[in-house]
Amino acid sequence: MDMWVGKIKGYNCDGEFIGTYRAVIVKDGDILFRMNLYFDATNNKSKCPFKKKVYFSSNLDVLKRKFRTSLPTKEKAKVLWKKKVGDC
């Protein structure tokens, strides 16, 4: 099973680190990809924009772009994508 993991750091308006946004994309069937979005907060005081969201598409690049545009932060840094192959 192929799996792609993308991560980007999240900052609030004051420039303080609030947590990490993470996307996990797995191939679901022959032509469909499923993306789960997570937010790993650094502390309990920060508001989590989403706990878990799921998106489906037949194009991998569309899901990667959707992850970048769905983030609530204004500053957009580069997303680091890693491909994992094998039993995940």
Protein backbone atom coordinates (compact mmCIF):
# COMPACT_ATOMS: atom_id res chain seq x y z
CA MET A 1 0.00 0.00 0.00
CA ASP A 2 1.34 3.41 -0.95
CA MET A 3 0.94 6.22 1.57
CA TRP A 4 1.96 9.89 1.45
CA VAL A 5 2.39 11.95 4.62
CA GLY A 6 2.52 15.75 4.49
CA LYS A 7 3.35 18.06 7.40
CA ILE A 8 3.41 21.81 7.91
CA LYS A 9 3.93 23.88 11.06
CA GLY A 10 1.14 26.20 12.21
CA TYR A 11 1.61 29.62 13.81
CA ASN A 12 -0.92 32.04 15.30
CA CYS A 13 -1.19 35.78 14.56
CA ASP A 14 1.54 36.60 17.09
CA GLY A 15 3.99 34.22 15.42
CA GLU A 16 3.86 31.62 18.18
CA PHE A 17 3.99 27.95 17.26
CA ILE A 18 0.59 26.33 17.92
CA GLY A 19 1.04 22.85 16.43
CA THR A 20 1.51 20.77 13.32
CA TYR A 21 -0.98 20.16 10.54
CA ARG A 22 -0.67 16.67 9.07
CA ALA A 23 -2.21 15.00 6.01
CA VAL A 24 -2.18 11.27 5.31
CA ILE A 25 -3.07 10.19 1.75
CA VAL A 26 -3.68 6.52 0.98
CA LYS A 27 -4.84 4.81 -2.18
CA ASP A 28 -8.42 3.63 -1.67
CA GLY A 29 -9.24 1.19 -4.48
CA ASP A 30 -7.89 1.29 -8.02
CA ILE A 31 -8.23 4.99 -8.87
CA LEU A 32 -9.45 6.72 -5.71
CA PHE A 33 -7.27 8.45 -3.10
CA ARG A 34 -8.40 9.29 0.46
CA MET A 35 -6.86 12.11 2.51
CA ASN A 36 -7.25 12.46 6.29
CA LEU A 37 -6.33 15.80 7.89
CA TYR A 38 -5.14 16.09 11.48
CA PHE A 39 -3.98 18.86 13.81
CA ASP A 40 -1.48 18.03 16.54
CA ALA A 41 -1.69 20.87 19.10
CA THR A 42 1.21 21.76 21.39
CA ASN A 43 -1.08 22.54 24.33
CA ASN A 44 -4.74 22.24 25.28
CA LYS A 45 -5.35 26.02 25.28
CA SER A 46 -5.03 26.38 21.51
CA LYS A 47 -8.20 25.99 19.47
CA CYS A 48 -7.98 23.05 17.10
CA PRO A 49 -9.38 24.07 13.70
CA PHE A 50 -10.14 20.44 12.91
CA LYS A 51 -9.64 17.15 14.62
CA LYS A 52 -10.05 15.01 11.55
CA LYS A 53 -11.41 15.68 8.06
CA VAL A 54 -11.59 13.32 5.11
CA TYR A 55 -11.38 14.19 1.40
CA PHE A 56 -11.59 11.92 -1.66
CA SER A 57 -10.25 12.44 -5.19
CA SER A 58 -8.93 10.47 -8.12
CA ASN A 59 -5.97 12.83 -8.54
CA LEU A 60 -3.13 12.94 -6.01
CA ASP A 61 -2.10 16.50 -6.91
CA VAL A 62 -5.62 17.77 -6.23
CA LEU A 63 -5.52 16.37 -2.69
CA LYS A 64 -2.08 17.88 -2.04
CA ARG A 65 -3.36 21.28 -3.18
CA LYS A 66 -6.53 20.86 -1.07
CA PHE A 67 -4.39 20.28 2.03
CA ARG A 68 -2.50 23.51 1.42
CA THR A 69 -5.63 25.60 0.77
CA SER A 70 -7.64 24.16 3.70
CA LEU A 71 -5.21 25.42 6.34
CA PRO A 72 -6.54 28.31 8.46
CA THR A 73 -3.11 29.97 8.76
CA LYS A 74 -2.31 32.98 6.59
CA GLU A 75 1.38 32.24 6.26
CA LYS A 76 1.97 29.38 3.86
CA ALA A 77 5.22 27.51 4.23
CA LYS A 78 6.42 24.63 2.10
CA VAL A 79 4.70 21.31 2.78
CA LEU A 80 7.06 18.38 3.29
CA TRP A 81 5.68 15.24 1.59
CA LYS A 82 7.13 11.77 2.27
CA LYS A 83 6.10 8.63 0.42
CA LYS A 84 5.93 5.41 2.41
CA VAL A 85 5.71 2.09 0.57
CA GLY A 86 4.74 -1.28 1.98
CA ASP A 87 2.39 -2.38 4.75
CA CYS A 88 1.37 0.73 6.65
